[in-house]
C-alpha atoms as a PDB file:
ATOM      1  CA  MET A   1     116.508 103.287  78.855  1.00  0.00           C
ATOM      2  CA  ARG A   2     117.321  99.743  79.774  1.00  0.00           C
ATOM      3  CA  ASP A   3     117.802 100.333  83.480  1.00  0.00           C
ATOM      4  CA  GLU A   4     115.160  98.220  85.243  1.00  0.00           C
ATOM      5  CA  ARG A   5     114.127 101.047  87.520  1.00  0.00           C
ATOM      6  CA  TRP A   6     112.598 102.904  84.547  1.00  0.00           C
ATOM      7  CA  ILE A   7     109.117 101.873  83.449  1.00  0.00           C
ATOM      8  CA  PRO A   8     107.374 103.253  80.357  1.00  0.00           C
ATOM      9  CA  ILE A   9     104.384 105.573  80.601  1.00  0.00           C
ATOM     10  CA  ARG A  10     101.536 106.729  78.366  1.00  0.00           C
ATOM     11  CA  PHE A  11     100.371 110.228  79.154  1.00  0.00           C
ATOM     12  CA  ARG A  12      97.658 112.738  78.403  1.00  0.00           C
ATOM     13  CA  GLY A  13      97.820 116.294  79.586  1.00  0.00           C
ATOM     14  CA  PHE A  14     101.110 118.027  80.202  1.00  0.00           C
ATOM     15  CA  HIS A  15     101.866 121.147  82.211  1.00  0.00           C
ATOM     16  CA  ASP A  16     105.505 121.128  83.346  1.00  0.00           C
ATOM     17  CA  ILE A  17     105.065 117.376  83.898  1.00  0.00           C
ATOM     18  CA  PRO A  18     102.538 114.790  82.692  1.00  0.00           C
ATOM     19  CA  ARG A  19      99.316 115.441  84.590  1.00  0.00           C
ATOM     20  CA  ALA A  20      97.755 112.064  83.788  1.00  0.00           C
ATOM     21  CA  PHE A  21      99.734 108.983  82.895  1.00  0.00           C
ATOM     22  CA  THR A  22      99.448 105.231  83.017  1.00  0.00           C
ATOM     23  CA  THR A  23     102.072 102.610  83.645  1.00  0.00           C
ATOM     24  CA  GLU A  24     102.117  98.895  84.267  1.00  0.00           C
ATOM     25  CA  ARG A  25     103.464  97.415  87.457  1.00  0.00           C
ATOM     26  CA  GLY A  26     103.048  93.867  88.753  1.00  0.00           C
ATOM     27  CA  GLY A  27     100.566  92.953  86.024  1.00  0.00           C
ATOM     28  CA  GLU A  28      98.298  95.904  86.848  1.00  0.00           C
ATOM     29  CA  THR A  29      97.681  99.145  85.012  1.00  0.00           C
ATOM     30  CA  LEU A  30      98.001 102.195  87.236  1.00  0.00           C
ATOM     31  CA  LEU A  31      96.791 105.706  86.483  1.00  0.00           C
ATOM     32  CA  LEU A  32      98.553 108.601  88.174  1.00  0.00           C
ATOM     33  CA  ASP A  33      96.153 111.499  87.890  1.00  0.00           C
ATOM     34  CA  CYS A  34      96.696 115.162  88.752  1.00  0.00           C
ATOM     35  CA  PRO A  35      93.870 117.165  87.153  1.00  0.00           C
ATOM     36  CA  PHE A  36      93.606 120.944  87.350  1.00  0.00           C
ATOM     37  CA  ASP A  37      91.740 122.025  90.489  1.00  0.00           C
ATOM     38  CA  ASP A  38      89.478 125.018  89.869  1.00  0.00           C
ATOM     39  CA  ALA A  39      89.225 125.784  93.587  1.00  0.00           C
ATOM     40  CA  LEU A  40      93.017 126.009  93.860  1.00  0.00           C
ATOM     41  CA  ASP A  41      93.315 127.626  90.435  1.00  0.00           C
ATOM     42  CA  ASP A  42      96.317 125.347  90.030  1.00  0.00           C
ATOM     43  CA  TYR A  43      97.327 121.712  89.899  1.00  0.00           C
ATOM     44  CA  PRO A  44      97.439 119.812  93.184  1.00  0.00           C
ATOM     45  CA  GLU A  45     100.819 118.811  94.568  1.00  0.00           C
ATOM     46  CA  HIS A  46     100.035 115.092  94.385  1.00  0.00           C
ATOM     47  CA  TYR A  47      98.970 112.377  92.011  1.00  0.00           C
ATOM     48  CA  THR A  48      96.032 110.202  92.910  1.00  0.00           C
ATOM     49  CA  VAL A  49      97.008 106.635  92.061  1.00  0.00           C
ATOM     50  CA  VAL A  50      94.197 104.516  90.626  1.00  0.00           C
ATOM     51  CA  ARG A  51      94.262 100.812  89.788  1.00  0.00           C
ATOM     52  CA  LEU A  52      92.463 100.382  86.473  1.00  0.00           C
ATOM     53  CA  GLY A  53      90.471  97.287  85.611  1.00  0.00           C
ATOM     54  CA  PRO A  54      90.718  95.377  82.333  1.00  0.00           C
ATOM     55  CA  SER A  55      87.810  97.202  80.651  1.00  0.00           C
ATOM     56  CA  ALA A  56      89.313 100.640  81.311  1.00  0.00           C
ATOM     57  CA  THR A  57      92.756  99.453  80.262  1.00  0.00           C
ATOM     58  CA  ALA A  58      91.455  97.988  77.000  1.00  0.00           C
ATOM     59  CA  THR A  59      90.100 101.347  75.826  1.00  0.00           C
ATOM     60  CA  LEU A  60      92.949 103.684  76.852  1.00  0.00           C
ATOM     61  CA  ASP A  61      93.933 104.554  73.309  1.00  0.00           C
ATOM     62  CA  GLU A  62      90.401 105.040  71.994  1.00  0.00           C
ATOM     63  CA  SER A  63      88.590 106.863  74.782  1.00  0.00           C
ATOM     64  CA  SER A  64      88.837 110.124  76.660  1.00  0.00           C
ATOM     65  CA  TRP A  65      90.788 110.097  79.883  1.00  0.00           C
ATOM     66  CA  ARG A  66      88.601 112.837  81.401  1.00  0.00           C
ATOM     67  CA  ASP A  67      86.809 110.478  83.784  1.00  0.00           C
ATOM     68  CA  LEU A  68      89.293 107.611  83.650  1.00  0.00           C
ATOM     69  CA  ALA A  69      90.018 107.772  87.389  1.00  0.00           C
ATOM     70  CA  SER A  70      86.337 107.066  88.131  1.00  0.00           C
ATOM     71  CA  ARG A  71      86.666 103.778  86.223  1.00  0.00           C
ATOM     72  CA  GLY A  72      89.206 102.338  88.667  1.00  0.00           C
ATOM     73  CA  THR A  73      90.012 101.917  92.359  1.00  0.00           C
ATOM     74  CA  PRO A  74      91.997 104.629  94.168  1.00  0.00           C
ATOM     75  CA  ILE A  75      94.921 103.065  96.022  1.00  0.00           C
ATOM     76  CA  GLY A  76      96.900 106.053  97.255  1.00  0.00           C
ATOM     77  CA  ARG A  77      98.537 109.406  96.619  1.00  0.00           C
ATOM     78  CA  ILE A  78     102.074 110.343  95.674  1.00  0.00           C
ATOM     79  CA  PRO A  79     103.464 113.889  95.854  1.00  0.00           C
ATOM     80  CA  THR A  80     104.338 115.075  92.340  1.00  0.00           C
ATOM     81  CA  ARG A  81     107.759 116.231  93.560  1.00  0.00           C
ATOM     82  CA  LEU A  82     108.683 112.608  94.338  1.00  0.00           C
ATOM     83  CA  VAL A  83     108.046 111.339  90.799  1.00  0.00           C
ATOM     84  CA  THR A  84     111.224 111.228  88.715  1.00  0.00           C
ATOM     85  CA  PHE A  85     110.690 111.290  84.961  1.00  0.00           C
ATOM     86  CA  ASP A  86     113.132 110.482  82.198  1.00  0.00           C
ATOM     87  CA  PRO A  87     114.895 113.550  80.681  1.00  0.00           C
ATOM     88  CA  THR A  88     112.050 114.123  78.187  1.00  0.00           C
ATOM     89  CA  ARG A  89     109.427 113.816  80.958  1.00  0.00           C
ATOM     90  CA  ARG A  90     107.311 111.908  78.443  1.00  0.00           C
ATOM     91  CA  ALA A  91     108.621 108.338  78.180  1.00  0.00           C
ATOM     92  CA  ALA A  92     109.273 106.745  81.575  1.00  0.00           C
ATOM     93  CA  VAL A  93     109.275 107.125  85.352  1.00  0.00           C
ATOM     94  CA  ASP A  94     111.502 105.753  88.066  1.00  0.00           C
ATOM     95  CA  ALA A  95     109.523 102.745  89.344  1.00  0.00           C
ATOM     96  CA  SER A  96     110.763 103.134  92.909  1.00  0.00           C
ATOM     97  CA  VAL A  97     108.149 105.842  93.544  1.00  0.00           C
ATOM     98  CA  LEU A  98     105.450 103.177  93.258  1.00  0.00           C
ATOM     99  CA  ASP A  99     107.049 101.191  96.081  1.00  0.00           C
ATOM    100  CA  ARG A 100     105.528 103.777  98.451  1.00  0.00           C
ATOM    101  CA  LEU A 101     102.039 102.430  97.840  1.00  0.00           C
END
């Protein structure tokens, strides 16, 4: 995928789509988080977008992502239906969705 609109992701948790993934945009690491909601007994219909700081970013591969969102700054929400993934739904997203923030 060489098209510039596609940006790589790292994900944890997958149910139809990645439910937590990070990507880099403009020199920042962003987490798009959509954890299971016990009250709904389902996943919400949006990702919470969180800007991660350098300390959280440095430990992404070694630490649990369970409370990763609490280690950053929420900057918005994006409906999951607006996020376009690559055909595998595991490698990249269309960067234009982040322009909504």
